[in-house]
């Protein structure tokens, strides 16, 4: 989760979903985008739970959708 070497800009997180099937690509967040950083970490945790069989992929996607709403409201003060 450290800053990737050799990449421009102040990246806070390296991609947390790179190499995982069905994730839609790389997830990273720039410093200052607190919602993006938090969602990236939560996404990694949910995907790990899916990989361990704790929840299904559909349940994981539903949880992430709900978390995205809550995080957005919390971070942006709505």
Protein backbone atom coordinates (compact mmCIF):
# COMPACT_ATOMS: atom_id res chain seq x y z
CA UNK A 1 0.00 0.00 0.00
CA UNK A 2 3.02 2.28 -0.21
CA UNK A 3 3.50 4.82 -2.96
CA UNK A 4 4.43 3.02 -6.20
CA UNK A 5 8.02 3.74 -7.25
CA UNK A 6 8.50 5.75 -10.39
CA UNK A 7 4.92 6.92 -10.86
CA UNK A 8 4.20 10.65 -11.14
CA UNK A 9 2.02 12.53 -8.70
CA UNK A 10 1.33 12.11 -5.01
CA UNK A 11 -0.30 8.68 -5.09
CA UNK A 12 -1.37 7.55 -1.66
CA UNK A 13 -2.38 3.99 -2.51
CA UNK A 14 -1.12 1.59 -5.09
CA UNK A 15 -3.86 -0.27 -6.93
CA UNK A 16 -5.68 -2.64 -4.63
CA UNK A 17 -7.55 -4.56 -7.29
CA UNK A 18 -4.93 -4.98 -10.00
CA UNK A 19 -4.87 -8.57 -11.14
CA UNK A 20 -8.22 -9.48 -9.61
CA UNK A 21 -10.75 -10.71 -12.15
CA UNK A 22 -13.94 -8.73 -12.52
CA UNK A 23 -12.77 -5.61 -10.72
CA UNK A 24 -12.81 -3.37 -13.75
CA UNK A 25 -9.23 -2.19 -13.53
CA UNK A 26 -6.91 -0.34 -11.28
CA UNK A 27 -8.11 1.50 -8.21
CA UNK A 28 -5.93 4.27 -6.86
CA UNK A 29 -6.57 7.53 -5.13
CA UNK A 30 -4.67 10.80 -4.94
CA UNK A 31 -3.91 12.42 -1.61
CA UNK A 32 -6.84 14.59 -0.64
CA UNK A 33 -9.48 12.29 -2.06
CA UNK A 34 -10.42 10.77 1.27
CA UNK A 35 -13.52 9.08 -0.10
CA UNK A 36 -11.49 7.41 -2.85
CA UNK A 37 -8.84 6.20 -0.43
CA UNK A 38 -11.40 4.78 1.98
CA UNK A 39 -13.39 3.09 -0.78
CA UNK A 40 -10.22 1.55 -2.22
CA UNK A 41 -9.38 0.01 1.14
CA UNK A 42 -12.96 -1.16 1.69
CA UNK A 43 -13.06 -2.65 -1.81
CA UNK A 44 -9.91 -4.65 -1.07
CA UNK A 45 -11.45 -5.95 2.16
CA UNK A 46 -14.72 -6.92 0.47
CA UNK A 47 -12.87 -8.64 -2.38
CA UNK A 48 -10.81 -10.58 0.16
CA UNK A 49 -14.05 -11.69 1.84
CA UNK A 50 -15.38 -12.82 -1.56
CA UNK A 51 -12.15 -14.73 -2.21
CA UNK A 52 -12.47 -16.48 1.18
CA UNK A 53 -16.09 -17.37 0.46
CA UNK A 54 -17.50 -15.28 3.31
CA UNK A 55 -19.87 -13.47 0.91
CA UNK A 56 -20.85 -14.01 -2.72
CA UNK A 57 -19.62 -11.68 -5.47
CA UNK A 58 -23.15 -10.22 -5.78
CA UNK A 59 -23.35 -9.56 -2.04
CA UNK A 60 -19.93 -7.95 -2.14
CA UNK A 61 -20.98 -5.63 -4.96
CA UNK A 62 -24.13 -4.66 -3.07
CA UNK A 63 -22.13 -3.91 0.07
CA UNK A 64 -19.68 -1.78 -1.93
CA UNK A 65 -22.51 0.17 -3.56
CA UNK A 66 -24.04 0.94 -0.17
CA UNK A 67 -20.68 1.81 1.34
CA UNK A 68 -19.96 4.20 -1.53
CA UNK A 69 -23.10 6.17 -0.69
CA UNK A 70 -22.32 6.28 3.03
CA UNK A 71 -18.66 7.23 2.50
CA UNK A 72 -19.57 9.96 0.02
CA UNK A 73 -22.09 11.46 2.44
CA UNK A 74 -19.70 11.23 5.39
CA UNK A 75 -16.67 12.67 3.62
CA UNK A 76 -18.50 15.43 1.80
CA UNK A 77 -20.67 16.40 4.77
CA UNK A 78 -24.09 15.60 3.37
